[in-house]
Amino acid sequence: MVTAFRQHIEQIISFSDAEFDFVFSHFQQKKYKKHQFLTQEGDYVNQEYFVLDGLLKAYVNRDGKLHIIQFAMENWWISDYQALLYQTRASYDIDCIEDTTVLILTAENKAKLCAASHKMEHFFRQKAVSGYVAMQKRVLSFMSNDAQSRYQQLFDLYPSLFQRIPKSMIAAYLGVSRETLSRLKLL
């Protein structure tokens, strides 16, 4: 699993074994069980997570309706970044869809790591920009695509996700009812 983490980072930057050991020393590995929370709405947020194994969802539940903001599977990062950045309370929950193993990076350790390593500062900047672009694409998709197009796009990008989660979660991510989802067809 550590190899996967190193490969993930080396898609953007490269470093020696000693540099990687230094980077890795700033993280803590932790296992969570299915349905266990990493963060709950109202918690103070001081860390972000890199998924080594498993599947997570970030969501809000308003008036009994589930709204999924993000899924995070292997090699993805997740946190309530607004709360993390501004050191405020979480505005949504993050929990495990499957048993999950993550690497945890506290805000303090991230600051230390970036201060000590310009390479890692560059890496995190690239990840932040990529995350922003992905969220922007998602918002634009909601504004300009119908449910069928959003469903097909999600399947084309992440076909394995459809084998790992119930259709009700796909519906909650796409912003449609379970009944509407059942009428949609993949091409």
N, C-alpha and C. Protein backbone atom coordinates (compact mmCIF):
# COMPACT_ATOMS: atom_id res chain seq x y z
N MET A 1 0.81 -1.20 0.00
CA MET A 1 0.00 0.00 0.00
C MET A 1 0.86 1.26 0.00
N VAL A 2 1.98 1.21 0.68
CA VAL A 2 2.88 2.36 0.70
C VAL A 2 3.42 2.61 -0.71
N THR A 3 3.63 1.53 -1.45
CA THR A 3 4.10 1.66 -2.84
C THR A 3 3.08 2.43 -3.67
N ALA A 4 1.80 2.14 -3.48
CA ALA A 4 0.75 2.84 -4.23
C ALA A 4 0.77 4.33 -3.90
N PHE A 5 0.99 4.66 -2.64
CA PHE A 5 1.07 6.06 -2.23
C PHE A 5 2.25 6.75 -2.90
N ARG A 6 3.40 6.09 -2.91
CA ARG A 6 4.58 6.68 -3.55
C ARG A 6 4.34 6.86 -5.05
N GLN A 7 3.75 5.85 -5.69
CA GLN A 7 3.45 5.96 -7.12
C GLN A 7 2.49 7.11 -7.40
N HIS A 8 1.53 7.30 -6.50
CA HIS A 8 0.58 8.40 -6.65
C HIS A 8 1.31 9.75 -6.64
N ILE A 9 2.20 9.92 -5.70
CA ILE A 9 2.95 11.18 -5.60
C ILE A 9 3.88 11.34 -6.80
N GLU A 10 4.50 10.24 -7.22
CA GLU A 10 5.47 10.32 -8.31
C GLU A 10 4.83 10.50 -9.68
N GLN A 11 3.52 10.54 -9.74
CA GLN A 11 2.87 10.96 -10.99
C GLN A 11 3.09 12.45 -11.22
N ILE A 12 3.42 13.18 -10.16
CA ILE A 12 3.62 14.62 -10.27
C ILE A 12 5.07 15.01 -9.99
N ILE A 13 5.67 14.42 -8.97
CA ILE A 13 7.05 14.75 -8.61
C ILE A 13 7.84 13.46 -8.41
N SER A 14 9.15 13.57 -8.41
CA SER A 14 9.98 12.40 -8.10
C SER A 14 10.92 12.76 -6.96
N PHE A 15 11.32 11.74 -6.22
CA PHE A 15 12.25 11.97 -5.14
C PHE A 15 12.97 10.69 -4.77
N SER A 16 14.01 10.84 -3.96
CA SER A 16 14.82 9.70 -3.53
C SER A 16 14.08 8.93 -2.44
N ASP A 17 14.63 7.76 -2.09
CA ASP A 17 14.06 6.97 -1.00
C ASP A 17 14.06 7.75 0.31
N ALA A 18 15.13 8.47 0.57
CA ALA A 18 15.23 9.26 1.81
C ALA A 18 14.18 10.37 1.82
N GLU A 19 13.98 11.03 0.68
CA GLU A 19 12.96 12.07 0.61
C GLU A 19 11.57 11.49 0.83
N PHE A 20 11.31 10.32 0.22
CA PHE A 20 10.00 9.69 0.43
C PHE A 20 9.80 9.30 1.89
N ASP A 21 10.82 8.75 2.51
CA ASP A 21 10.72 8.38 3.93
C ASP A 21 10.39 9.60 4.78
N PHE A 22 11.01 10.72 4.45
CA PHE A 22 10.71 11.96 5.17
C PHE A 22 9.25 12.36 4.98
N VAL A 23 8.78 12.31 3.75
CA VAL A 23 7.38 12.65 3.45
C VAL A 23 6.45 11.71 4.20
N PHE A 24 6.71 10.43 4.09
CA PHE A 24 5.83 9.42 4.70
C PHE A 24 5.78 9.55 6.22
N SER A 25 6.85 10.03 6.82
CA SER A 25 6.88 10.17 8.28
C SER A 25 5.86 11.19 8.80
N HIS A 26 5.31 12.01 7.92
CA HIS A 26 4.32 13.01 8.31
C HIS A 26 2.89 12.46 8.31
N PHE A 27 2.72 11.23 7.87
CA PHE A 27 1.40 10.62 7.76
C PHE A 27 1.21 9.54 8.83
N GLN A 28 -0.04 9.30 9.16
CA GLN A 28 -0.40 8.21 10.06
C GLN A 28 -1.38 7.31 9.31
N GLN A 29 -1.16 6.02 9.38
CA GLN A 29 -2.07 5.06 8.73
C GLN A 29 -3.13 4.62 9.73
N LYS A 30 -4.38 4.53 9.25
CA LYS A 30 -5.47 4.12 10.13
C LYS A 30 -6.51 3.35 9.33
N LYS A 31 -7.10 2.34 9.98
CA LYS A 31 -8.16 1.53 9.37
C LYS A 31 -9.50 1.93 9.97
N TYR A 32 -10.51 1.98 9.12
CA TYR A 32 -11.88 2.26 9.53
C TYR A 32 -12.77 1.14 9.03
N LYS A 33 -13.81 0.87 9.78
CA LYS A 33 -14.80 -0.15 9.40
C LYS A 33 -15.90 0.47 8.55
N LYS A 34 -16.59 -0.37 7.79
CA LYS A 34 -17.74 0.05 7.01
C LYS A 34 -18.72 0.80 7.92
N HIS A 35 -19.23 1.92 7.47
CA HIS A 35 -20.17 2.79 8.17
C HIS A 35 -19.53 3.65 9.26
N GLN A 36 -18.23 3.54 9.48
CA GLN A 36 -17.56 4.36 10.49
C GLN A 36 -17.30 5.75 9.91
N PHE A 37 -17.46 6.77 10.74
CA PHE A 37 -17.25 8.15 10.30
C PHE A 37 -15.79 8.55 10.45
N LEU A 38 -15.29 9.29 9.46
CA LEU A 38 -14.00 9.96 9.57
C LEU A 38 -14.22 11.37 10.08
N THR A 39 -15.29 11.98 9.60
CA THR A 39 -15.68 13.33 9.99
C THR A 39 -17.20 13.39 10.02
N GLN A 40 -17.74 14.12 11.00
CA GLN A 40 -19.19 14.34 11.04
C GLN A 40 -19.46 15.84 11.01
N GLU A 41 -20.58 16.19 10.41
CA GLU A 41 -20.99 17.58 10.36
C GLU A 41 -20.93 18.18 11.76
N GLY A 42 -20.30 19.32 11.88
CA GLY A 42 -20.15 19.98 13.17
C GLY A 42 -18.81 19.73 13.84
N ASP A 43 -18.07 18.70 13.40
CA ASP A 43 -16.73 18.43 13.96
C ASP A 43 -15.75 19.50 13.47
N TYR A 44 -14.75 19.78 14.30
CA TYR A 44 -13.64 20.58 13.80
C TYR A 44 -12.79 19.69 12.90
N VAL A 45 -12.33 20.25 11.79
CA VAL A 45 -11.57 19.47 10.81
C VAL A 45 -10.13 19.93 10.85
N ASN A 46 -9.23 18.97 11.06
CA ASN A 46 -7.82 19.29 11.14
C ASN A 46 -6.97 18.32 10.32
N GLN A 47 -7.60 17.53 9.45
CA GLN A 47 -6.83 16.56 8.69
C GLN A 47 -7.51 16.23 7.38
N GLU A 48 -6.68 15.69 6.49
CA GLU A 48 -7.18 15.17 5.22
C GLU A 48 -6.71 13.74 5.10
N TYR A 49 -7.33 13.02 4.18
CA TYR A 49 -7.12 11.58 4.09
C TYR A 49 -6.77 11.18 2.66
N PHE A 50 -5.81 10.28 2.56
CA PHE A 50 -5.48 9.64 1.30
C PHE A 50 -5.94 8.19 1.41
N VAL A 51 -6.76 7.74 0.48
CA VAL A 51 -7.35 6.40 0.56
C VAL A 51 -6.38 5.38 -0.02
N LEU A 52 -5.92 4.48 0.83
CA LEU A 52 -5.07 3.37 0.39
C LEU A 52 -5.91 2.22 -0.12
N ASP A 53 -7.00 1.94 0.60
CA ASP A 53 -7.87 0.82 0.26
C ASP A 53 -9.26 1.12 0.79
N GLY A 54 -10.28 0.86 -0.01
CA GLY A 54 -11.64 1.06 0.45
C GLY A 54 -12.35 2.17 -0.32
N LEU A 55 -13.50 2.58 0.23
CA LEU A 55 -14.35 3.54 -0.46
C LEU A 55 -15.09 4.38 0.58
N LEU A 56 -15.07 5.70 0.36
CA LEU A 56 -15.71 6.66 1.26
C LEU A 56 -16.71 7.50 0.50
N LYS A 57 -17.60 8.14 1.27
CA LYS A 57 -18.50 9.13 0.67
C LYS A 57 -18.56 10.35 1.57
N ALA A 58 -18.63 11.52 0.96
CA ALA A 58 -18.85 12.79 1.65
C ALA A 58 -20.26 13.21 1.29
N TYR A 59 -21.06 13.57 2.30
CA TYR A 59 -22.47 13.83 2.03
C TYR A 59 -23.12 14.68 3.10
N VAL A 60 -24.29 15.20 2.75
CA VAL A 60 -25.19 15.85 3.71
C VAL A 60 -26.53 15.14 3.61
N ASN A 61 -27.26 15.18 4.70
CA ASN A 61 -28.61 14.63 4.72
C ASN A 61 -29.52 15.76 5.15
N ARG A 62 -30.29 16.27 4.21
CA ARG A 62 -31.18 17.41 4.47
C ARG A 62 -32.62 16.97 4.29
N ASP A 63 -33.38 17.17 5.33
CA ASP A 63 -34.81 16.82 5.31
C ASP A 63 -35.03 15.38 4.86
N GLY A 64 -34.17 14.49 5.34
CA GLY A 64 -34.31 13.08 5.02
C GLY A 64 -33.82 12.69 3.63
N LYS A 65 -33.24 13.62 2.91
CA LYS A 65 -32.74 13.34 1.55
C LYS A 65 -31.22 13.38 1.54
N LEU A 66 -30.62 12.30 1.05
CA LEU A 66 -29.17 12.17 0.96
C LEU A 66 -28.65 12.90 -0.27
N HIS A 67 -27.61 13.72 -0.08
CA HIS A 67 -26.93 14.42 -1.17
C HIS A 67 -25.45 14.07 -1.07
N ILE A 68 -24.95 13.28 -2.00
CA ILE A 68 -23.54 12.88 -1.98
C ILE A 68 -22.72 13.89 -2.76
N ILE A 69 -21.73 14.42 -2.10
CA ILE A 69 -20.85 15.44 -2.67
C ILE A 69 -19.69 14.80 -3.42
N GLN A 70 -19.13 13.74 -2.83
CA GLN A 70 -17.94 13.12 -3.39
C GLN A 70 -17.83 11.68 -2.93
N PHE A 71 -17.33 10.84 -3.82
CA PHE A 71 -16.85 9.52 -3.45
C PHE A 71 -15.33 9.60 -3.42
N ALA A 72 -14.70 8.75 -2.65
CA ALA A 72 -13.24 8.68 -2.64
C ALA A 72 -12.83 7.22 -2.54
N MET A 73 -12.20 6.74 -3.59
CA MET A 73 -11.70 5.37 -3.61
C MET A 73 -10.18 5.39 -3.60
N GLU A 74 -9.58 4.25 -3.83
CA GLU A 74 -8.13 4.13 -3.77
C GLU A 74 -7.44 5.24 -4.58
N ASN A 75 -6.42 5.81 -3.96
CA ASN A 75 -5.58 6.85 -4.55
C ASN A 75 -6.26 8.20 -4.67
N TRP A 76 -7.34 8.41 -3.92
CA TRP A 76 -8.02 9.71 -3.90
C TRP A 76 -7.84 10.35 -2.54
N TRP A 77 -7.93 11.66 -2.53
CA TRP A 77 -7.87 12.46 -1.31
C TRP A 77 -9.27 12.91 -0.94
N ILE A 78 -9.52 13.07 0.37
CA ILE A 78 -10.82 13.55 0.80
C ILE A 78 -10.70 14.27 2.13
N SER A 79 -11.49 15.30 2.29
CA SER A 79 -11.64 16.03 3.55
C SER A 79 -12.76 17.05 3.31
N ASP A 80 -13.14 17.75 4.36
CA ASP A 80 -13.98 18.94 4.20
C ASP A 80 -12.97 20.08 4.09
N TYR A 81 -12.58 20.40 2.86
CA TYR A 81 -11.46 21.32 2.65
C TYR A 81 -11.76 22.74 3.09
N GLN A 82 -13.00 23.15 3.01
CA GLN A 82 -13.34 24.49 3.52
C GLN A 82 -13.10 24.55 5.02
N ALA A 83 -13.59 23.55 5.74
CA ALA A 83 -13.39 23.51 7.19
C ALA A 83 -11.91 23.34 7.54
N LEU A 84 -11.20 22.55 6.76
CA LEU A 84 -9.77 22.34 7.00
C LEU A 84 -8.99 23.64 6.80
N LEU A 85 -9.25 24.32 5.72
CA LEU A 85 -8.53 25.55 5.40
C LEU A 85 -8.80 26.65 6.42
N TYR A 86 -10.07 26.81 6.79
CA TYR A 86 -10.44 27.90 7.68
C TYR A 86 -10.53 27.49 9.15
N GLN A 87 -10.16 26.22 9.43
CA GLN A 87 -10.20 25.69 10.79
C GLN A 87 -11.56 25.92 11.44
N THR A 88 -12.61 25.55 10.69
CA THR A 88 -13.98 25.66 11.17
C THR A 88 -14.60 24.27 11.26
N ARG A 89 -15.86 24.25 11.58
CA ARG A 89 -16.56 22.98 11.73
C ARG A 89 -16.97 22.42 10.36
N ALA A 90 -17.01 21.10 10.29
CA ALA A 90 -17.38 20.41 9.05
C ALA A 90 -18.82 20.74 8.66
N SER A 91 -19.03 20.87 7.38
CA SER A 91 -20.38 21.14 6.88
C SER A 91 -21.03 19.87 6.31
N TYR A 92 -20.28 18.76 6.33
CA TYR A 92 -20.84 17.49 5.88
C TYR A 92 -20.13 16.32 6.57
N ASP A 93 -20.70 15.14 6.37
CA ASP A 93 -20.16 13.90 6.94
C ASP A 93 -19.28 13.20 5.91
N ILE A 94 -18.29 12.46 6.41
CA ILE A 94 -17.50 11.55 5.57
C ILE A 94 -17.50 10.22 6.29
N ASP A 95 -18.00 9.17 5.60
CA ASP A 95 -17.98 7.85 6.22
C ASP A 95 -17.61 6.78 5.21
N CYS A 96 -17.41 5.59 5.74
CA CYS A 96 -16.91 4.47 4.94
C CYS A 96 -18.06 3.68 4.33
N ILE A 97 -18.00 3.48 3.04
CA ILE A 97 -18.93 2.59 2.34
C ILE A 97 -18.42 1.16 2.46
N GLU A 98 -17.11 1.02 2.53
CA GLU A 98 -16.44 -0.28 2.71
C GLU A 98 -15.43 -0.12 3.85
N ASP A 99 -14.93 -1.24 4.36
CA ASP A 99 -13.77 -1.16 5.26
C ASP A 99 -12.69 -0.40 4.50
N THR A 100 -12.04 0.53 5.16
CA THR A 100 -11.15 1.47 4.48
C THR A 100 -9.86 1.68 5.27
N THR A 101 -8.75 1.78 4.55
CA THR A 101 -7.47 2.14 5.14
C THR A 101 -7.04 3.46 4.52
N VAL A 102 -6.68 4.42 5.37
CA VAL A 102 -6.28 5.74 4.90
C VAL A 102 -4.94 6.14 5.49
N LEU A 103 -4.31 7.09 4.84
CA LEU A 103 -3.19 7.82 5.41
C LEU A 103 -3.75 9.17 5.83
N ILE A 104 -3.48 9.56 7.06
CA ILE A 104 -3.99 10.81 7.60
C ILE A 104 -2.86 11.83 7.63
N LEU A 105 -3.16 13.02 7.13
CA LEU A 105 -2.21 14.13 7.17
C LEU A 105 -2.88 15.28 7.90
N THR A 106 -2.34 15.66 9.05
CA THR A 106 -2.90 16.78 9.79
C THR A 106 -2.51 18.09 9.11
N ALA A 107 -3.26 19.13 9.39
CA ALA A 107 -2.95 20.45 8.83
C ALA A 107 -1.56 20.90 9.28
N GLU A 108 -1.23 20.62 10.54
CA GLU A 108 0.09 20.99 11.06
C GLU A 108 1.20 20.25 10.33
N ASN A 109 1.04 18.95 10.12
CA ASN A 109 2.07 18.18 9.42
C ASN A 109 2.16 18.59 7.95
N LYS A 110 1.05 18.94 7.34
CA LYS A 110 1.09 19.39 5.95
C LYS A 110 1.87 20.70 5.85
N ALA A 111 1.64 21.61 6.78
CA ALA A 111 2.37 22.88 6.78
C ALA A 111 3.86 22.65 6.97
N LYS A 112 4.23 21.76 7.89
CA LYS A 112 5.64 21.43 8.12
C LYS A 112 6.25 20.81 6.86
N LEU A 113 5.52 19.89 6.26
CA LEU A 113 6.00 19.19 5.07
C LEU A 113 6.22 20.16 3.92
N CYS A 114 5.26 21.04 3.70
CA CYS A 114 5.38 22.00 2.60
C CYS A 114 6.50 23.02 2.86
N ALA A 115 6.69 23.39 4.12
CA ALA A 115 7.78 24.32 4.46
C ALA A 115 9.15 23.68 4.23
N ALA A 116 9.23 22.38 4.45
CA ALA A 116 10.51 21.68 4.33
C ALA A 116 10.77 21.16 2.91
N SER A 117 9.72 21.02 2.11
CA SER A 117 9.88 20.41 0.79
C SER A 117 9.08 21.17 -0.26
N HIS A 118 9.80 21.88 -1.11
CA HIS A 118 9.13 22.59 -2.20
C HIS A 118 8.47 21.61 -3.17
N LYS A 119 9.04 20.42 -3.29
CA LYS A 119 8.44 19.40 -4.15
C LYS A 119 7.04 19.05 -3.66
N MET A 120 6.91 18.86 -2.35
CA MET A 120 5.59 18.50 -1.81
C MET A 120 4.63 19.68 -1.87
N GLU A 121 5.15 20.88 -1.71
CA GLU A 121 4.31 22.07 -1.87
C GLU A 121 3.75 22.11 -3.29
N HIS A 122 4.60 21.81 -4.26
CA HIS A 122 4.17 21.75 -5.66
C HIS A 122 3.14 20.63 -5.85
N PHE A 123 3.40 19.47 -5.27
CA PHE A 123 2.47 18.35 -5.38
C PHE A 123 1.08 18.73 -4.86
N PHE A 124 1.01 19.30 -3.67
CA PHE A 124 -0.28 19.65 -3.08
C PHE A 124 -0.97 20.76 -3.87
N ARG A 125 -0.21 21.67 -4.43
CA ARG A 125 -0.81 22.71 -5.27
C ARG A 125 -1.44 22.08 -6.52
N GLN A 126 -0.73 21.15 -7.13
CA GLN A 126 -1.28 20.46 -8.31
C GLN A 126 -2.55 19.67 -7.96
N LYS A 127 -2.53 18.99 -6.82
CA LYS A 127 -3.71 18.22 -6.39
C LYS A 127 -4.89 19.15 -6.12
N ALA A 128 -4.63 20.31 -5.51
CA ALA A 128 -5.70 21.27 -5.23
C ALA A 128 -6.31 21.79 -6.52
N VAL A 129 -5.47 22.12 -7.48
CA VAL A 129 -5.97 22.61 -8.77
C VAL A 129 -6.77 21.52 -9.48
N SER A 130 -6.28 20.29 -9.47
CA SER A 130 -7.00 19.18 -10.09
C SER A 130 -8.36 18.97 -9.43
N GLY A 131 -8.39 19.06 -8.10
CA GLY A 131 -9.65 18.91 -7.38
C GLY A 131 -10.62 20.03 -7.72
N TYR A 132 -10.11 21.24 -7.84
CA TYR A 132 -10.95 22.38 -8.20
C TYR A 132 -11.53 22.18 -9.61
N VAL A 133 -10.70 21.74 -10.54
CA VAL A 133 -11.17 21.52 -11.91
C VAL A 133 -12.25 20.43 -11.94
N ALA A 134 -12.04 19.35 -11.19
CA ALA A 134 -13.04 18.27 -11.15
C ALA A 134 -14.37 18.78 -10.59
N MET A 135 -14.31 19.57 -9.53
CA MET A 135 -15.54 20.11 -8.95
C MET A 135 -16.22 21.08 -9.92
N GLN A 136 -15.42 21.88 -10.62
CA GLN A 136 -15.97 22.81 -11.60
C GLN A 136 -16.67 22.04 -12.72
N LYS A 137 -16.07 20.96 -13.19
CA LYS A 137 -16.70 20.14 -14.23
C LYS A 137 -18.02 19.55 -13.74
N ARG A 138 -18.03 19.13 -12.47
CA ARG A 138 -19.26 18.55 -11.91
C ARG A 138 -20.37 19.59 -11.84
N VAL A 139 -20.05 20.79 -11.38
CA VAL A 139 -21.05 21.86 -11.30
C VAL A 139 -21.56 22.20 -12.70
N LEU A 140 -20.66 22.34 -13.66
CA LEU A 140 -21.08 22.64 -15.03
C LEU A 140 -21.94 21.52 -15.61
N SER A 141 -21.62 20.28 -15.26
CA SER A 141 -22.42 19.15 -15.73
C SER A 141 -23.84 19.24 -15.18
N PHE A 142 -23.98 19.61 -13.92
CA PHE A 142 -25.31 19.78 -13.33
C PHE A 142 -26.08 20.90 -14.01
N MET A 143 -25.37 21.92 -14.45
CA MET A 143 -26.03 23.07 -15.07
C MET A 143 -26.40 22.82 -16.52
N SER A 144 -25.65 21.97 -17.21
CA SER A 144 -25.86 21.86 -18.65
C SER A 144 -26.26 20.48 -19.15
N ASN A 145 -26.13 19.44 -18.34
CA ASN A 145 -26.44 18.08 -18.79
C ASN A 145 -27.68 17.55 -18.09
N ASP A 146 -28.42 16.73 -18.81
CA ASP A 146 -29.57 16.07 -18.19
C ASP A 146 -29.08 14.87 -17.38
N ALA A 147 -30.00 14.26 -16.64
CA ALA A 147 -29.66 13.13 -15.76
C ALA A 147 -29.04 11.98 -16.54
N GLN A 148 -29.56 11.69 -17.72
CA GLN A 148 -29.03 10.61 -18.54
C GLN A 148 -27.56 10.84 -18.88
N SER A 149 -27.24 12.06 -19.28
CA SER A 149 -25.85 12.40 -19.63
C SER A 149 -24.93 12.31 -18.42
N ARG A 150 -25.39 12.79 -17.27
CA ARG A 150 -24.58 12.73 -16.05
C ARG A 150 -24.34 11.28 -15.64
N TYR A 151 -25.35 10.45 -15.78
CA TYR A 151 -25.25 9.02 -15.45
C TYR A 151 -24.22 8.35 -16.34
N GLN A 152 -24.31 8.60 -17.64
CA GLN A 152 -23.37 8.00 -18.60
C GLN A 152 -21.95 8.49 -18.35
N GLN A 153 -21.81 9.77 -18.07
CA GLN A 153 -20.49 10.35 -17.81
C GLN A 153 -19.85 9.72 -16.57
N LEU A 154 -20.64 9.54 -15.51
CA LEU A 154 -20.11 8.92 -14.30
C LEU A 154 -19.67 7.48 -14.59
N PHE A 155 -20.48 6.75 -15.33
CA PHE A 155 -20.13 5.38 -15.66
C PHE A 155 -18.87 5.32 -16.52
N ASP A 156 -18.77 6.21 -17.51
CA ASP A 156 -17.59 6.22 -18.38
C ASP A 156 -16.31 6.52 -17.61
N LEU A 157 -16.41 7.43 -16.63
CA LEU A 157 -15.23 7.80 -15.84
C LEU A 157 -14.87 6.76 -14.79
N TYR A 158 -15.88 6.17 -14.13
CA TYR A 158 -15.63 5.29 -12.99
C TYR A 158 -16.51 4.04 -13.04
N PRO A 159 -16.33 3.18 -14.03
CA PRO A 159 -17.20 2.01 -14.15
C PRO A 159 -17.13 1.08 -12.93
N SER A 160 -15.98 0.99 -12.28
CA SER A 160 -15.86 0.10 -11.12
C SER A 160 -16.72 0.58 -9.95
N LEU A 161 -17.00 1.86 -9.90
CA LEU A 161 -17.83 2.40 -8.83
C LEU A 161 -19.22 1.77 -8.83
N PHE A 162 -19.72 1.46 -10.01
CA PHE A 162 -21.07 0.89 -10.15
C PHE A 162 -21.15 -0.52 -9.57
N GLN A 163 -20.00 -1.19 -9.43
CA GLN A 163 -19.96 -2.53 -8.83
C GLN A 163 -19.81 -2.46 -7.32
N ARG A 164 -19.48 -1.28 -6.79
CA ARG A 164 -19.14 -1.16 -5.38
C ARG A 164 -20.18 -0.46 -4.52
N ILE A 165 -21.10 0.24 -5.15
CA ILE A 165 -22.08 1.00 -4.37
C ILE A 165 -23.50 0.71 -4.84
N PRO A 166 -24.48 0.86 -3.95
CA PRO A 166 -25.87 0.66 -4.36
C PRO A 166 -26.35 1.79 -5.26
N LYS A 167 -27.35 1.48 -6.05
CA LYS A 167 -27.90 2.47 -6.99
C LYS A 167 -28.45 3.70 -6.26
N SER A 168 -28.91 3.53 -5.03
CA SER A 168 -29.42 4.68 -4.28
C SER A 168 -28.32 5.72 -4.06
N MET A 169 -27.08 5.28 -3.89
CA MET A 169 -25.97 6.23 -3.72
C MET A 169 -25.61 6.90 -5.05
N ILE A 170 -25.71 6.16 -6.13
CA ILE A 170 -25.47 6.77 -7.45
C ILE A 170 -26.52 7.85 -7.68
N ALA A 171 -27.77 7.54 -7.37
CA ALA A 171 -28.85 8.52 -7.52
C ALA A 171 -28.58 9.76 -6.67
N ALA A 172 -28.15 9.56 -5.42
CA ALA A 172 -27.87 10.69 -4.52
C ALA A 172 -26.71 11.54 -5.03
N TYR A 173 -25.75 10.92 -5.70
CA TYR A 173 -24.63 11.66 -6.27
C TYR A 173 -25.07 12.45 -7.51
N LEU A 174 -25.94 11.86 -8.30
CA LEU A 174 -26.39 12.50 -9.54
C LEU A 174 -27.51 13.50 -9.32
N GLY A 175 -28.08 13.51 -8.12
CA GLY A 175 -29.15 14.46 -7.82
C GLY A 175 -30.49 14.06 -8.41
N VAL A 176 -30.72 12.74 -8.50
CA VAL A 176 -31.99 12.24 -9.01
C VAL A 176 -32.57 11.24 -8.01
N SER A 177 -33.84 10.93 -8.17
CA SER A 177 -34.46 9.92 -7.31
C SER A 177 -34.03 8.53 -7.76
N ARG A 178 -34.19 7.57 -6.89
CA ARG A 178 -33.89 6.16 -7.23
C ARG A 178 -34.77 5.70 -8.38
N GLU A 179 -36.00 6.16 -8.40
CA GLU A 179 -36.94 5.80 -9.47
C GLU A 179 -36.47 6.35 -10.82
N THR A 180 -36.04 7.60 -10.82
CA THR A 180 -35.52 8.20 -12.06
C THR A 180 -34.29 7.44 -12.53
N LEU A 181 -33.40 7.11 -11.60
CA LEU A 181 -32.18 6.38 -11.96
C LEU A 181 -32.53 5.05 -12.62
N SER A 182 -33.55 4.37 -12.13
CA SER A 182 -33.92 3.06 -12.69
C SER A 182 -34.38 3.17 -14.14
N ARG A 183 -34.81 4.35 -14.56
CA ARG A 183 -35.26 4.55 -15.95
C ARG A 183 -34.11 4.91 -16.89
N LEU A 184 -32.96 5.28 -16.32
CA LEU A 184 -31.82 5.67 -17.14
C LEU A 184 -31.10 4.43 -17.67
N LYS A 185 -30.54 4.53 -18.84
CA LYS A 185 -29.84 3.41 -19.48
C LYS A 185 -28.42 3.81 -19.84
N LEU A 186 -27.50 2.88 -19.65
CA LEU A 186 -26.13 3.10 -20.08
C LEU A 186 -25.99 2.73 -21.54
N LEU A 187 -25.22 3.50 -22.26
CA LEU A 187 -25.01 3.25 -23.69
C LEU A 187 -23.80 2.35 -23.91
